[in-house]
Amino acid sequence: MQPFIEIPSVSLLDEQRPTVNDLIKLARSLGLDFGWHYLLDLTWILCQLGPVTGRRIMDAGAGTGIMQWYLADNGAVVFSVDRGSRADLPLRFRSRFQVRGLRREDLLPASSVVRDKLRGPGKLRFKISTQARDLLSVSAGRRAPGRVIVYNQDLKALAEIADNSLDAIVAVSALEHNSPDDLPRVVAELMRVLKPGGALLATLCAARDQDRFHQPSQGWCYTDASLRRHFDLPPQTPSNYARYDELFAALVGCTELRDHLARFYFRSGDNGMPWGKWDPQYQPVGVCKVKE
């Protein structure tokens, strides 16, 4: 694999329909929603990543998002890294996947999560029978073939992950939430833990002519030149930014993404699609960087 920059075409959704359907089905079963362009981001990354069974893959900026669960469902060992804590990860994830913390503090025992939800003035909101059922399913061993290792840490300082130890790293619309000054440091740290020949596959936000900060999503949109600089890509790295306007017009006209906006967009005016109005202000871009 060679490094490249690519604004994904929405035609990918039809070209990779089995993957798209699998992502939608898994997300529904886990009670997860997609950001307005995430289905395209996820599909692009998975298309480049190829088979994952048995591979050690980091999901950088994972949160509780779908990518880590999809990879584990397909047999990968996933290092789920995020600066926000997932120590109290809900039982619906633990009941289906083999999940542990990289460090003791990264993941509370499932029994502690049950006790915390049943304790205090809001305890009547939780049904003991449901919690007991979830806890039993955790101990019953009904799991996806892969594993998820939770690591609550800033991407600039992955001290507990060894050099040259991961087969691949994926990041779904996460790295743009680092400042332009911090992004090169994040990329350098991710490349440190990647094995030679391994690929970093990241989607970010694209800007046509000038870098800008998109306030509703709290993320930076980057030009082709800035991505090359921040990711330290070779000068000859291929890019399709010349098709920026064409690809953006196709994205704006994509009925599949427009008609399936997540419910949370309709509840607020302070998000990427205020009050559920379809009005894309940027488009995603994928970056592939390979460790030599």
C-alpha atoms as a PDB file:
ATOM      1  CA  MET A   1       0.000   0.000   0.000  1.00  0.00           C
ATOM      2  CA  GLN A   2       1.204   3.495  -0.892  1.00  0.00           C
ATOM      3  CA  PRO A   3       0.229   6.774   0.844  1.00  0.00           C
ATOM      4  CA  PHE A   4      -2.559   8.817  -0.705  1.00  0.00           C
ATOM      5  CA  ILE A   5      -5.208  11.452  -0.003  1.00  0.00           C
ATOM      6  CA  GLU A   6      -8.754  10.825  -1.208  1.00  0.00           C
ATOM      7  CA  ILE A   7     -12.052  12.597  -0.830  1.00  0.00           C
ATOM      8  CA  PRO A   8     -14.449   9.614  -0.817  1.00  0.00           C
ATOM      9  CA  SER A   9     -17.138   9.540  -3.459  1.00  0.00           C
ATOM     10  CA  VAL A  10     -20.674   8.802  -2.271  1.00  0.00           C
ATOM     11  CA  SER A  11     -20.752   6.141  -5.012  1.00  0.00           C
ATOM     12  CA  LEU A  12     -18.745   4.050  -2.540  1.00  0.00           C
ATOM     13  CA  LEU A  13     -21.953   3.463  -0.569  1.00  0.00           C
ATOM     14  CA  ASP A  14     -23.416   1.487  -3.475  1.00  0.00           C
ATOM     15  CA  GLU A  15     -20.133  -0.130  -4.471  1.00  0.00           C
ATOM     16  CA  GLN A  16     -19.645  -1.478  -0.930  1.00  0.00           C
ATOM     17  CA  ARG A  17     -23.309  -2.188  -0.146  1.00  0.00           C
ATOM     18  CA  PRO A  18     -22.713  -5.387   1.903  1.00  0.00           C
ATOM     19  CA  THR A  19     -20.334  -3.491   4.216  1.00  0.00           C
ATOM     20  CA  VAL A  20     -22.773  -0.573   4.496  1.00  0.00           C
ATOM     21  CA  ASN A  21     -25.624  -2.920   5.388  1.00  0.00           C
ATOM     22  CA  ASP A  22     -23.495  -4.720   7.985  1.00  0.00           C
ATOM     23  CA  LEU A  23     -22.559  -1.406   9.601  1.00  0.00           C
ATOM     24  CA  ILE A  24     -26.185  -0.273   9.764  1.00  0.00           C
ATOM     25  CA  LYS A  25     -27.356  -3.595  11.186  1.00  0.00           C
ATOM     26  CA  LEU A  26     -24.658  -3.666  13.879  1.00  0.00           C
ATOM     27  CA  ALA A  27     -25.253  -0.025  14.848  1.00  0.00           C
ATOM     28  CA  ARG A  28     -28.969  -0.642  15.298  1.00  0.00           C
ATOM     29  CA  SER A  29     -28.343  -3.706  17.444  1.00  0.00           C
ATOM     30  CA  LEU A  30     -26.077  -1.634  19.713  1.00  0.00           C
ATOM     31  CA  GLY A  31     -28.298   1.452  19.838  1.00  0.00           C
ATOM     32  CA  LEU A  32     -25.746   3.645  18.042  1.00  0.00           C
ATOM     33  CA  ASP A  33     -26.355   6.531  15.626  1.00  0.00           C
ATOM     34  CA  PHE A  34     -24.106   7.732  12.801  1.00  0.00           C
ATOM     35  CA  GLY A  35     -22.788  11.253  12.345  1.00  0.00           C
ATOM     36  CA  TRP A  36     -24.133  12.636   9.072  1.00  0.00           C
ATOM     37  CA  HIS A  37     -21.140  11.550   6.961  1.00  0.00           C
ATOM     38  CA  TYR A  38     -19.789   8.718   9.153  1.00  0.00           C
ATOM     39  CA  LEU A  39     -21.247   5.922   7.058  1.00  0.00           C
ATOM     40  CA  LEU A  40     -19.125   7.161   4.155  1.00  0.00           C
ATOM     41  CA  ASP A  41     -16.043   7.539   6.379  1.00  0.00           C
ATOM     42  CA  LEU A  42     -16.420   4.062   7.836  1.00  0.00           C
ATOM     43  CA  THR A  43     -16.932   2.466   4.446  1.00  0.00           C
ATOM     44  CA  TRP A  44     -13.888   4.193   2.967  1.00  0.00           C
ATOM     45  CA  ILE A  45     -11.639   3.089   5.842  1.00  0.00           C
ATOM     46  CA  LEU A  46     -12.865  -0.504   5.787  1.00  0.00           C
ATOM     47  CA  CYS A  47     -12.455  -0.662   2.013  1.00  0.00           C
ATOM     48  CA  GLN A  48      -8.773   0.304   2.351  1.00  0.00           C
ATOM     49  CA  LEU A  49      -8.168  -1.823   5.447  1.00  0.00           C
ATOM     50  CA  GLY A  50      -9.080  -5.196   3.953  1.00  0.00           C
ATOM     51  CA  PRO A  51      -9.456  -8.391   6.044  1.00  0.00           C
ATOM     52  CA  VAL A  52      -9.028  -7.786   9.777  1.00  0.00           C
ATOM     53  CA  THR A  53      -9.207 -11.223  11.418  1.00  0.00           C
ATOM     54  CA  GLY A  54      -6.337 -11.695  13.852  1.00  0.00           C
ATOM     55  CA  ARG A  55      -4.881  -8.231  13.255  1.00  0.00           C
ATOM     56  CA  ARG A  56      -3.998  -5.774  16.046  1.00  0.00           C
ATOM     57  CA  ILE A  57      -5.725  -2.521  15.111  1.00  0.00           C
ATOM     58  CA  MET A  58      -6.055   0.759  16.990  1.00  0.00           C
ATOM     59  CA  ASP A  59      -9.269   2.753  16.735  1.00  0.00           C
ATOM     60  CA  ALA A  60      -7.921   6.232  17.502  1.00  0.00           C
ATOM     61  CA  GLY A  61     -10.500   8.565  19.036  1.00  0.00           C
ATOM     62  CA  ALA A  62     -12.913   5.649  19.318  1.00  0.00           C
ATOM     63  CA  GLY A  63     -15.345   6.824  21.995  1.00  0.00           C
ATOM     64  CA  THR A  64     -18.055   4.171  21.969  1.00  0.00           C
ATOM     65  CA  GLY A  65     -18.387   4.408  18.176  1.00  0.00           C
ATOM     66  CA  ILE A  66     -19.215   1.602  15.785  1.00  0.00           C
ATOM     67  CA  MET A  67     -15.774   1.041  14.217  1.00  0.00           C
ATOM     68  CA  GLN A  68     -14.221  -0.806  17.179  1.00  0.00           C
ATOM     69  CA  TRP A  69     -17.248  -3.109  17.520  1.00  0.00           C
ATOM     70  CA  TYR A  70     -17.330  -3.842  13.793  1.00  0.00           C
ATOM     71  CA  LEU A  71     -13.629  -4.751  13.812  1.00  0.00           C
ATOM     72  CA  ALA A  72     -14.041  -6.998  16.873  1.00  0.00           C
ATOM     73  CA  ASP A  73     -17.114  -8.590  15.307  1.00  0.00           C
ATOM     74  CA  ASN A  74     -14.846  -9.544  12.402  1.00  0.00           C
ATOM     75  CA  GLY A  75     -12.092 -11.028  14.558  1.00  0.00           C
ATOM     76  CA  ALA A  76      -9.656  -8.163  15.168  1.00  0.00           C
ATOM     77  CA  VAL A  77      -7.908  -7.290  18.437  1.00  0.00           C
ATOM     78  CA  VAL A  78      -8.844  -3.629  18.804  1.00  0.00           C
ATOM     79  CA  PHE A  79      -7.066  -1.028  20.929  1.00  0.00           C
ATOM     80  CA  SER A  80      -9.845   1.476  21.607  1.00  0.00           C
ATOM     81  CA  VAL A  81      -8.171   4.784  22.472  1.00  0.00           C
ATOM     82  CA  ASP A  82      -9.910   7.997  23.455  1.00  0.00           C
ATOM     83  CA  ARG A  83      -9.072  10.924  25.742  1.00  0.00           C
ATOM     84  CA  GLY A  84     -12.522  10.599  27.308  1.00  0.00           C
ATOM     85  CA  SER A  85     -13.037   7.868  29.880  1.00  0.00           C
ATOM     86  CA  ARG A  86     -15.052   4.745  29.029  1.00  0.00           C
ATOM     87  CA  ALA A  87     -14.434   3.187  32.451  1.00  0.00           C
ATOM     88  CA  ASP A  88     -18.197   2.757  32.947  1.00  0.00           C
ATOM     89  CA  LEU A  89     -18.775   1.270  29.486  1.00  0.00           C
ATOM     90  CA  PRO A  90     -22.455   0.211  29.247  1.00  0.00           C
ATOM     91  CA  LEU A  91     -23.283  -3.455  29.620  1.00  0.00           C
ATOM     92  CA  ARG A  92     -24.816  -3.736  26.144  1.00  0.00           C
ATOM     93  CA  PHE A  93     -21.268  -3.577  24.746  1.00  0.00           C
ATOM     94  CA  ARG A  94     -19.743  -5.891  27.334  1.00  0.00           C
ATOM     95  CA  SER A  95     -22.451  -8.493  26.835  1.00  0.00           C
ATOM     96  CA  ARG A  96     -21.567  -8.937  23.172  1.00  0.00           C
ATOM     97  CA  PHE A  97     -17.830  -8.278  23.050  1.00  0.00           C
ATOM     98  CA  GLN A  98     -14.752  -9.378  24.940  1.00  0.00           C
ATOM     99  CA  VAL A  99     -13.751  -6.072  26.538  1.00  0.00           C
ATOM    100  CA  ARG A 100     -10.991  -5.299  29.019  1.00  0.00           C
ATOM    101  CA  GLY A 101      -8.993  -2.260  30.093  1.00  0.00           C
ATOM    102  CA  LEU A 102      -5.369  -1.874  29.119  1.00  0.00           C
ATOM    103  CA  ARG A 103      -4.824  -0.589  32.666  1.00  0.00           C
ATOM    104  CA  ARG A 104      -6.898  -1.290  35.753  1.00  0.00           C
ATOM    105  CA  GLU A 105      -8.406   2.204  35.713  1.00  0.00           C
ATOM    106  CA  ASP A 106      -9.438   2.061  32.057  1.00  0.00           C
ATOM    107  CA  LEU A 107     -12.477  -0.173  32.621  1.00  0.00           C
ATOM    108  CA  LEU A 108     -14.537  -0.744  35.758  1.00  0.00           C
ATOM    109  CA  PRO A 109     -15.782  -4.284  36.453  1.00  0.00           C
ATOM    110  CA  ALA A 110     -19.224  -4.957  34.995  1.00  0.00           C
ATOM    111  CA  SER A 111     -20.573  -5.547  38.499  1.00  0.00           C
ATOM    112  CA  SER A 112     -19.557  -2.001  39.490  1.00  0.00           C
ATOM    113  CA  VAL A 113     -21.474  -0.547  36.562  1.00  0.00           C
ATOM    114  CA  VAL A 114     -24.591  -2.426  37.676  1.00  0.00           C
ATOM    115  CA  ARG A 115     -24.243  -1.245  41.301  1.00  0.00           C
ATOM    116  CA  ASP A 116     -23.718   2.381  40.252  1.00  0.00           C
ATOM    117  CA  LYS A 117     -26.854   2.352  38.091  1.00  0.00           C
ATOM    118  CA  LEU A 118     -28.967   0.827  40.851  1.00  0.00           C
ATOM    119  CA  ARG A 119     -27.688   3.187  43.555  1.00  0.00           C
ATOM    120  CA  GLY A 120     -29.059   6.591  44.518  1.00  0.00           C
ATOM    121  CA  PRO A 121     -32.230   8.581  43.914  1.00  0.00           C
ATOM    122  CA  GLY A 122     -32.506   7.649  40.228  1.00  0.00           C
ATOM    123  CA  LYS A 123     -32.347   3.898  40.785  1.00  0.00           C
ATOM    124  CA  LEU A 124     -35.997   3.355  39.830  1.00  0.00           C
ATOM    125  CA  ARG A 125     -35.130   4.271  36.252  1.00  0.00           C
ATOM    126  CA  PHE A 126     -33.283   0.981  35.967  1.00  0.00           C
ATOM    127  CA  LYS A 127     -34.903  -2.415  36.078  1.00  0.00           C
ATOM    128  CA  ILE A 128     -33.014  -4.902  38.205  1.00  0.00           C
ATOM    129  CA  SER A 129     -34.152  -7.746  35.976  1.00  0.00           C
ATOM    130  CA  THR A 130     -32.615  -6.070  32.908  1.00  0.00           C
ATOM    131  CA  GLN A 131     -29.354  -5.341  34.704  1.00  0.00           C
ATOM    132  CA  ALA A 132     -29.184  -8.885  36.020  1.00  0.00           C
ATOM    133  CA  ARG A 133     -29.796 -10.291  32.559  1.00  0.00           C
ATOM    134  CA  ASP A 134     -27.026  -8.129  31.072  1.00  0.00           C
ATOM    135  CA  LEU A 135     -24.623  -9.099  33.842  1.00  0.00           C
ATOM    136  CA  LEU A 136     -25.381 -12.786  33.318  1.00  0.00           C
ATOM    137  CA  SER A 137     -24.749 -12.444  29.598  1.00  0.00           C
ATOM    138  CA  VAL A 138     -21.353 -10.891  30.359  1.00  0.00           C
ATOM    139  CA  SER A 139     -20.375 -13.903  32.424  1.00  0.00           C
ATOM    140  CA  ALA A 140     -21.941 -16.417  30.041  1.00  0.00           C
ATOM    141  CA  GLY A 141     -19.190 -15.891  27.460  1.00  0.00           C
ATOM    142  CA  ARG A 142     -21.372 -15.071  24.432  1.00  0.00           C
ATOM    143  CA  ARG A 143     -18.865 -12.960  22.568  1.00  0.00           C
ATOM    144  CA  ALA A 144     -17.761 -11.764  19.139  1.00  0.00           C
ATOM    145  CA  PRO A 145     -14.565 -13.497  17.949  1.00  0.00           C
ATOM    146  CA  GLY A 146     -12.363 -10.422  18.396  1.00  0.00           C
ATOM    147  CA  ARG A 147     -11.455  -8.345  21.453  1.00  0.00           C
ATOM    148  CA  VAL A 148     -11.611  -4.686  22.455  1.00  0.00           C
ATOM    149  CA  ILE A 149      -8.966  -3.248  24.779  1.00  0.00           C
ATOM    150  CA  VAL A 150     -10.037   0.085  26.263  1.00  0.00           C
ATOM    151  CA  TYR A 151      -7.298   2.678  26.793  1.00  0.00           C
ATOM    152  CA  ASN A 152      -8.385   6.101  28.086  1.00  0.00           C
ATOM    153  CA  GLN A 153      -5.539   8.330  26.979  1.00  0.00           C
ATOM    154  CA  ASP A 154      -4.622  11.333  24.866  1.00  0.00           C
ATOM    155  CA  LEU A 155      -3.389  10.304  21.431  1.00  0.00           C
ATOM    156  CA  LYS A 156      -0.224  12.368  21.895  1.00  0.00           C
ATOM    157  CA  ALA A 157       1.004  10.133  24.741  1.00  0.00           C
ATOM    158  CA  LEU A 158       0.400   6.408  24.253  1.00  0.00           C
ATOM    159  CA  ALA A 159       2.962   5.332  26.846  1.00  0.00           C
ATOM    160  CA  GLU A 160       1.470   1.878  27.447  1.00  0.00           C
ATOM    161  CA  ILE A 161       1.586   0.873  23.769  1.00  0.00           C
ATOM    162  CA  ALA A 162       4.946  -0.379  22.536  1.00  0.00           C
ATOM    163  CA  ASP A 163       6.817   0.761  19.448  1.00  0.00           C
ATOM    164  CA  ASN A 164       6.062  -1.164  16.231  1.00  0.00           C
ATOM    165  CA  SER A 165       3.287  -3.207  17.854  1.00  0.00           C
ATOM    166  CA  LEU A 166       0.129  -2.559  15.796  1.00  0.00           C
ATOM    167  CA  ASP A 167      -0.797  -3.830  12.334  1.00  0.00           C
ATOM    168  CA  ALA A 168      -2.993  -0.846  11.441  1.00  0.00           C
ATOM    169  CA  ILE A 169      -4.541   2.296  12.900  1.00  0.00           C
ATOM    170  CA  VAL A 170      -7.920   3.750  11.950  1.00  0.00           C
ATOM    171  CA  ALA A 171      -9.438   7.087  12.961  1.00  0.00           C
ATOM    172  CA  VAL A 172     -13.011   7.992  12.036  1.00  0.00           C
ATOM    173  CA  SER A 173     -13.438  11.771  11.905  1.00  0.00           C
ATOM    174  CA  ALA A 174     -11.431  12.127  15.124  1.00  0.00           C
ATOM    175  CA  LEU A 175      -8.039  13.647  14.377  1.00  0.00           C
ATOM    176  CA  GLU A 176      -9.503  16.990  13.239  1.00  0.00           C
ATOM    177  CA  HIS A 177     -10.483  17.649  16.860  1.00  0.00           C
ATOM    178  CA  ASN A 178      -6.803  18.204  17.632  1.00  0.00           C
ATOM    179  CA  SER A 179      -5.404  21.684  17.000  1.00  0.00           C
ATOM    180  CA  PRO A 180      -3.221  22.190  13.896  1.00  0.00           C
ATOM    181  CA  ASP A 181      -0.225  22.491  16.232  1.00  0.00           C
ATOM    182  CA  ASP A 182      -1.051  19.203  17.955  1.00  0.00           C
ATOM    183  CA  LEU A 183      -2.009  17.154  14.898  1.00  0.00           C
ATOM    184  CA  PRO A 184       1.582  16.462  13.722  1.00  0.00           C
ATOM    185  CA  ARG A 185       2.432  15.276  17.251  1.00  0.00           C
ATOM    186  CA  VAL A 186      -0.555  12.934  17.229  1.00  0.00           C
ATOM    187  CA  VAL A 187       0.420  11.538  13.831  1.00  0.00           C
ATOM    188  CA  ALA A 188       4.024  10.998  14.980  1.00  0.00           C
ATOM    189  CA  GLU A 189       2.861   9.101  18.075  1.00  0.00           C
ATOM    190  CA  LEU A 190       0.500   6.942  16.028  1.00  0.00           C
ATOM    191  CA  MET A 191       3.294   6.113  13.598  1.00  0.00           C
ATOM    192  CA  ARG A 192       5.563   5.160  16.506  1.00  0.00           C
ATOM    193  CA  VAL A 193       3.280   2.319  17.596  1.00  0.00           C
ATOM    194  CA  LEU A 194       2.570   1.141  14.048  1.00  0.00           C
ATOM    195  CA  LYS A 195       4.537  -1.766  12.600  1.00  0.00           C
ATOM    196  CA  PRO A 196       6.678  -1.154   9.498  1.00  0.00           C
ATOM    197  CA  GLY A 197       4.449  -1.642   6.472  1.00  0.00           C
ATOM    198  CA  GLY A 198       1.329  -0.851   8.518  1.00  0.00           C
ATOM    199  CA  ALA A 199      -1.090   1.882   7.506  1.00  0.00           C
ATOM    200  CA  LEU A 200      -2.726   4.772   9.320  1.00  0.00           C
ATOM    201  CA  LEU A 201      -6.166   5.292   7.743  1.00  0.00           C
ATOM    202  CA  ALA A 202      -7.864   8.464   8.954  1.00  0.00           C
ATOM    203  CA  THR A 203     -10.823  10.503   7.825  1.00  0.00           C
ATOM    204  CA  LEU A 204     -10.889  14.214   8.572  1.00  0.00           C
ATOM    205  CA  CYS A 205     -12.728  17.268   7.215  1.00  0.00           C
ATOM    206  CA  ALA A 206     -11.717  18.790   3.887  1.00  0.00           C
ATOM    207  CA  ALA A 207     -11.357  22.483   3.046  1.00  0.00           C
ATOM    208  CA  ARG A 208     -11.086  23.622  -0.558  1.00  0.00           C
ATOM    209  CA  ASP A 209      -8.866  26.732  -0.403  1.00  0.00           C
ATOM    210  CA  GLN A 210      -8.094  27.601   3.226  1.00  0.00           C
ATOM    211  CA  ASP A 211      -8.000  25.794   6.552  1.00  0.00           C
ATOM    212  CA  ARG A 212     -10.914  26.696   8.797  1.00  0.00           C
ATOM    213  CA  PHE A 213     -12.433  25.714  12.117  1.00  0.00           C
ATOM    214  CA  HIS A 214     -15.983  24.352  11.884  1.00  0.00           C
ATOM    215  CA  GLN A 215     -17.571  25.516  15.106  1.00  0.00           C
ATOM    216  CA  PRO A 216     -20.643  23.196  15.239  1.00  0.00           C
ATOM    217  CA  SER A 217     -18.508  20.043  14.953  1.00  0.00           C
ATOM    218  CA  GLN A 218     -15.566  21.528  16.872  1.00  0.00           C
ATOM    219  CA  GLY A 219     -13.176  20.307  14.190  1.00  0.00           C
ATOM    220  CA  TRP A 220     -10.665  21.664  11.683  1.00  0.00           C
ATOM    221  CA  CYS A 221     -11.198  21.456   7.927  1.00  0.00           C
ATOM    222  CA  TYR A 222      -7.914  21.060   6.043  1.00  0.00           C
ATOM    223  CA  THR A 223      -6.669  21.797   2.552  1.00  0.00           C
ATOM    224  CA  ASP A 224      -4.645  19.305   0.546  1.00  0.00           C
ATOM    225  CA  ALA A 225      -1.433  21.206   1.315  1.00  0.00           C
ATOM    226  CA  SER A 226      -2.096  21.212   5.066  1.00  0.00           C
ATOM    227  CA  LEU A 227      -2.834  17.484   5.166  1.00  0.00           C
ATOM    228  CA  ARG A 228       0.435  16.780   3.358  1.00  0.00           C
ATOM    229  CA  ARG A 229       2.307  18.919   5.880  1.00  0.00           C
ATOM    230  CA  HIS A 230       0.597  17.664   9.044  1.00  0.00           C
ATOM    231  CA  PHE A 231       0.886  13.999   8.029  1.00  0.00           C
ATOM    232  CA  ASP A 232       4.422  14.463   6.663  1.00  0.00           C
ATOM    233  CA  LEU A 233       3.515  12.854   3.348  1.00  0.00           C
ATOM    234  CA  PRO A 234       5.934  12.558   0.411  1.00  0.00           C
ATOM    235  CA  PRO A 235       5.594  15.277  -2.266  1.00  0.00           C
ATOM    236  CA  GLN A 236       4.464  12.715  -4.859  1.00  0.00           C
ATOM    237  CA  THR A 237       1.532  11.483  -2.715  1.00  0.00           C
ATOM    238  CA  PRO A 238      -1.550  11.194  -5.003  1.00  0.00           C
ATOM    239  CA  SER A 239      -4.646  13.238  -4.199  1.00  0.00           C
ATOM    240  CA  ASN A 240      -8.042  13.845  -5.789  1.00  0.00           C
ATOM    241  CA  TYR A 241      -8.572  17.361  -4.362  1.00  0.00           C
ATOM    242  CA  ALA A 242      -8.803  18.565  -7.966  1.00  0.00           C
ATOM    243  CA  ARG A 243     -12.297  16.985  -7.929  1.00  0.00           C
ATOM    244  CA  TYR A 244     -13.309  18.820  -4.734  1.00  0.00           C
ATOM    245  CA  ASP A 245     -16.311  20.693  -6.224  1.00  0.00           C
ATOM    246  CA  GLU A 246     -17.621  17.671  -8.142  1.00  0.00           C
ATOM    247  CA  LEU A 247     -17.413  15.372  -5.123  1.00  0.00           C
ATOM    248  CA  PHE A 248     -18.959  17.951  -2.805  1.00  0.00           C
ATOM    249  CA  ALA A 249     -21.913  18.449  -5.165  1.00  0.00           C
ATOM    250  CA  ALA A 250     -22.485  14.689  -5.197  1.00  0.00           C
ATOM    251  CA  LEU A 251     -22.349  14.604  -1.389  1.00  0.00           C
ATOM    252  CA  VAL A 252     -24.905  17.415  -1.090  1.00  0.00           C
ATOM    253  CA  GLY A 253     -27.184  15.491  -3.447  1.00  0.00           C
ATOM    254  CA  CYS A 254     -26.797  12.135  -1.669  1.00  0.00           C
ATOM    255  CA  THR A 255     -30.313  11.083  -0.706  1.00  0.00           C
ATOM    256  CA  GLU A 256     -29.122   8.105   1.359  1.00  0.00           C
ATOM    257  CA  LEU A 257     -27.202  10.312   3.784  1.00  0.00           C
ATOM    258  CA  ARG A 258     -29.796  13.118   3.667  1.00  0.00           C
ATOM    259  CA  ASP A 259     -32.781  10.887   4.384  1.00  0.00           C
ATOM    260  CA  HIS A 260     -31.155   8.947   7.220  1.00  0.00           C
ATOM    261  CA  LEU A 261     -29.912  11.699   9.510  1.00  0.00           C
ATOM    262  CA  ALA A 262     -29.555  10.519  13.096  1.00  0.00           C
ATOM    263  CA  ARG A 263     -32.281  11.543  15.522  1.00  0.00           C
ATOM    264  CA  PHE A 264     -29.973  13.694  17.622  1.00  0.00           C
ATOM    265  CA  TYR A 265     -29.615  16.258  14.802  1.00  0.00           C
ATOM    266  CA  PHE A 266     -33.311  17.111  15.092  1.00  0.00           C
ATOM    267  CA  ARG A 267     -33.083  17.904  18.807  1.00  0.00           C
ATOM    268  CA  SER A 268     -30.699  20.858  18.665  1.00  0.00           C
ATOM    269  CA  GLY A 269     -29.521  23.791  16.591  1.00  0.00           C
ATOM    270  CA  ASP A 270     -25.976  23.396  17.890  1.00  0.00           C
ATOM    271  CA  ASN A 271     -24.655  20.605  15.694  1.00  0.00           C
ATOM    272  CA  GLY A 272     -23.448  19.837  12.166  1.00  0.00           C
ATOM    273  CA  MET A 273     -27.021  19.691  10.837  1.00  0.00           C
ATOM    274  CA  PRO A 274     -28.968  22.205  12.989  1.00  0.00           C
ATOM    275  CA  TRP A 275     -32.513  21.015  13.692  1.00  0.00           C
ATOM    276  CA  GLY A 276     -32.086  18.243  11.136  1.00  0.00           C
ATOM    277  CA  LYS A 277     -31.771  20.516   8.092  1.00  0.00           C
ATOM    278  CA  TRP A 278     -29.579  18.863   5.435  1.00  0.00           C
ATOM    279  CA  ASP A 279     -26.909  21.476   4.692  1.00  0.00           C
ATOM    280  CA  PRO A 280     -23.344  20.065   4.469  1.00  0.00           C
ATOM    281  CA  GLN A 281     -20.701  22.692   5.224  1.00  0.00           C
ATOM    282  CA  TYR A 282     -17.717  20.474   4.436  1.00  0.00           C
ATOM    283  CA  GLN A 283     -16.949  16.987   3.155  1.00  0.00           C
ATOM    284  CA  PRO A 284     -14.857  14.161   4.591  1.00  0.00           C
ATOM    285  CA  VAL A 285     -11.388  13.325   3.274  1.00  0.00           C
ATOM    286  CA  GLY A 286      -9.361  10.175   3.831  1.00  0.00           C
ATOM    287  CA  VAL A 287      -5.631  10.042   4.436  1.00  0.00           C
ATOM    288  CA  CYS A 288      -3.526   6.907   4.128  1.00  0.00           C
ATOM    289  CA  LYS A 289      -0.017   7.092   5.619  1.00  0.00           C
ATOM    290  CA  VAL A 290       2.199   3.997   5.532  1.00  0.00           C
ATOM    291  CA  LYS A 291       5.116   3.327   7.872  1.00  0.00           C
ATOM    292  CA  GLU A 292       8.289   2.449   6.046  1.00  0.00           C
END
